[in-house]
Amino acid sequence: MTLENEVVNVDLGCGKRKQEGFFGIDRFPMPEVDMLADIDLGIPLQDDSVDMLFSSHFLEHARDLMFTMREIYRGSAYQVRFE
């Protein structure tokens, strides 16, 4: 998904409204979605790879919020920005 030294911005649960310049991950296929993934099974991101993670109206749908937050932390680079 990424090249070394490339800034990686992820819109987790992007749905129909992916943020401009972001890589969209969602569990449902839609035109804006770049990668399909069921976050309840894990987030398909390399460790320490995400520089900015955006998520809106998404985390409340996770079956196990603590697991999802650990997955976000695992994929987040040092000093990640999370909105």
C-alpha atoms as a PDB file:
ATOM      1  CA  MET A   1       0.000   0.000   0.000  1.00  0.00           C
ATOM      2  CA  THR A   2       2.794   2.484   0.743  1.00  0.00           C
ATOM      3  CA  LEU A   3       6.227   3.478  -0.342  1.00  0.00           C
ATOM      4  CA  GLU A   4       8.958   4.151   2.167  1.00  0.00           C
ATOM      5  CA  ASN A   5       9.009   7.824   3.281  1.00  0.00           C
ATOM      6  CA  GLU A   6       5.553   8.440   1.761  1.00  0.00           C
ATOM      7  CA  VAL A   7       3.060  10.232   4.020  1.00  0.00           C
ATOM      8  CA  VAL A   8       0.143   7.863   4.651  1.00  0.00           C
ATOM      9  CA  ASN A   9      -3.284   9.291   5.439  1.00  0.00           C
ATOM     10  CA  VAL A  10      -6.078   6.806   6.171  1.00  0.00           C
ATOM     11  CA  ASP A  11      -9.821   7.448   6.376  1.00  0.00           C
ATOM     12  CA  LEU A  12     -11.058   4.523   8.464  1.00  0.00           C
ATOM     13  CA  GLY A  13     -14.706   3.773   7.756  1.00  0.00           C
ATOM     14  CA  CYS A  14     -14.763   6.318   4.950  1.00  0.00           C
ATOM     15  CA  GLY A  15     -18.089   5.249   3.463  1.00  0.00           C
ATOM     16  CA  LYS A  16     -19.289   7.594   0.724  1.00  0.00           C
ATOM     17  CA  ARG A  17     -17.374  10.623   2.036  1.00  0.00           C
ATOM     18  CA  LYS A  18     -13.657   9.850   1.946  1.00  0.00           C
ATOM     19  CA  GLN A  19     -11.404  12.751   2.911  1.00  0.00           C
ATOM     20  CA  GLU A  20      -9.484  14.203  -0.030  1.00  0.00           C
ATOM     21  CA  GLY A  21      -5.959  12.800  -0.266  1.00  0.00           C
ATOM     22  CA  PHE A  22      -6.730   9.871   2.045  1.00  0.00           C
ATOM     23  CA  PHE A  23      -6.707   6.105   1.528  1.00  0.00           C
ATOM     24  CA  GLY A  24     -10.225   4.860   2.316  1.00  0.00           C
ATOM     25  CA  ILE A  25     -10.910   1.677   4.273  1.00  0.00           C
ATOM     26  CA  ASP A  26     -14.452   0.424   4.882  1.00  0.00           C
ATOM     27  CA  ARG A  27     -16.273  -2.872   5.301  1.00  0.00           C
ATOM     28  CA  PHE A  28     -18.801  -2.051   2.566  1.00  0.00           C
ATOM     29  CA  PRO A  29     -17.954  -1.659  -1.134  1.00  0.00           C
ATOM     30  CA  MET A  30     -18.555   1.895  -2.321  1.00  0.00           C
ATOM     31  CA  PRO A  31     -16.936   4.061  -5.012  1.00  0.00           C
ATOM     32  CA  GLU A  32     -14.793   5.965  -2.463  1.00  0.00           C
ATOM     33  CA  VAL A  33     -13.457   2.818  -0.743  1.00  0.00           C
ATOM     34  CA  ASP A  34      -9.900   1.847  -1.666  1.00  0.00           C
ATOM     35  CA  MET A  35      -9.729  -1.275   0.519  1.00  0.00           C
ATOM     36  CA  LEU A  36     -12.432  -3.526   1.911  1.00  0.00           C
ATOM     37  CA  ALA A  37     -11.801  -4.758   5.441  1.00  0.00           C
ATOM     38  CA  ASP A  38     -13.847  -5.958   8.398  1.00  0.00           C
ATOM     39  CA  ILE A  39     -12.219  -4.012  11.231  1.00  0.00           C
ATOM     40  CA  ASP A  40     -13.630  -6.484  13.727  1.00  0.00           C
ATOM     41  CA  LEU A  41     -11.047  -8.917  12.305  1.00  0.00           C
ATOM     42  CA  GLY A  42      -8.204  -6.377  12.299  1.00  0.00           C
ATOM     43  CA  ILE A  43      -7.085  -3.415  10.256  1.00  0.00           C
ATOM     44  CA  PRO A  44      -4.901  -4.438   7.284  1.00  0.00           C
ATOM     45  CA  LEU A  45      -2.138  -1.899   7.858  1.00  0.00           C
ATOM     46  CA  GLN A  46       1.565  -2.397   8.352  1.00  0.00           C
ATOM     47  CA  ASP A  47       2.877  -1.635  11.830  1.00  0.00           C
ATOM     48  CA  ASP A  48       3.859   2.011  12.356  1.00  0.00           C
ATOM     49  CA  SER A  49       2.736   3.000   8.846  1.00  0.00           C
ATOM     50  CA  VAL A  50      -0.001   5.640   9.248  1.00  0.00           C
ATOM     51  CA  ASP A  51       0.843   9.329   9.685  1.00  0.00           C
ATOM     52  CA  MET A  52      -2.728  10.666   9.862  1.00  0.00           C
ATOM     53  CA  LEU A  53      -5.849   8.674  10.657  1.00  0.00           C
ATOM     54  CA  PHE A  54      -9.314  10.150  10.226  1.00  0.00           C
ATOM     55  CA  SER A  55     -12.488   8.431  11.360  1.00  0.00           C
ATOM     56  CA  SER A  56     -15.978   9.885  11.621  1.00  0.00           C
ATOM     57  CA  HIS A  57     -19.089   8.056  12.875  1.00  0.00           C
ATOM     58  CA  PHE A  58     -17.264   4.771  12.644  1.00  0.00           C
ATOM     59  CA  LEU A  59     -15.782   3.594  15.942  1.00  0.00           C
ATOM     60  CA  GLU A  60     -19.190   3.217  17.569  1.00  0.00           C
ATOM     61  CA  HIS A  61     -19.830   0.337  15.124  1.00  0.00           C
ATOM     62  CA  ALA A  62     -16.839  -1.727  16.271  1.00  0.00           C
ATOM     63  CA  ARG A  63     -17.859  -4.869  18.142  1.00  0.00           C
ATOM     64  CA  ASP A  64     -14.764  -4.708  20.354  1.00  0.00           C
ATOM     65  CA  LEU A  65     -13.664  -1.083  20.680  1.00  0.00           C
ATOM     66  CA  MET A  66     -10.511  -1.893  22.667  1.00  0.00           C
ATOM     67  CA  PHE A  67      -9.354  -4.367  19.990  1.00  0.00           C
ATOM     68  CA  THR A  68     -10.008  -1.750  17.289  1.00  0.00           C
ATOM     69  CA  MET A  69      -8.101   0.921  19.236  1.00  0.00           C
ATOM     70  CA  ARG A  70      -5.141  -1.479  19.660  1.00  0.00           C
ATOM     71  CA  GLU A  71      -5.200  -2.084  15.893  1.00  0.00           C
ATOM     72  CA  ILE A  72      -5.202   1.678  15.258  1.00  0.00           C
ATOM     73  CA  TYR A  73      -2.290   2.094  17.678  1.00  0.00           C
ATOM     74  CA  ARG A  74      -0.369  -0.759  16.016  1.00  0.00           C
ATOM     75  CA  GLY A  75      -0.721   0.796  12.580  1.00  0.00           C
ATOM     76  CA  SER A  76       0.070   4.310  13.732  1.00  0.00           C
ATOM     77  CA  ALA A  77       3.477   5.847  13.240  1.00  0.00           C
ATOM     78  CA  TYR A  78       5.176   7.691  16.084  1.00  0.00           C
ATOM     79  CA  GLN A  79       3.385  11.026  16.615  1.00  0.00           C
ATOM     80  CA  VAL A  80       0.406  10.031  14.458  1.00  0.00           C
ATOM     81  CA  ARG A  81      -2.386  12.572  14.148  1.00  0.00           C
ATOM     82  CA  PHE A  82      -5.814  11.068  14.856  1.00  0.00           C
ATOM     83  CA  GLU A  83      -9.032  12.961  14.139  1.00  0.00           C
END
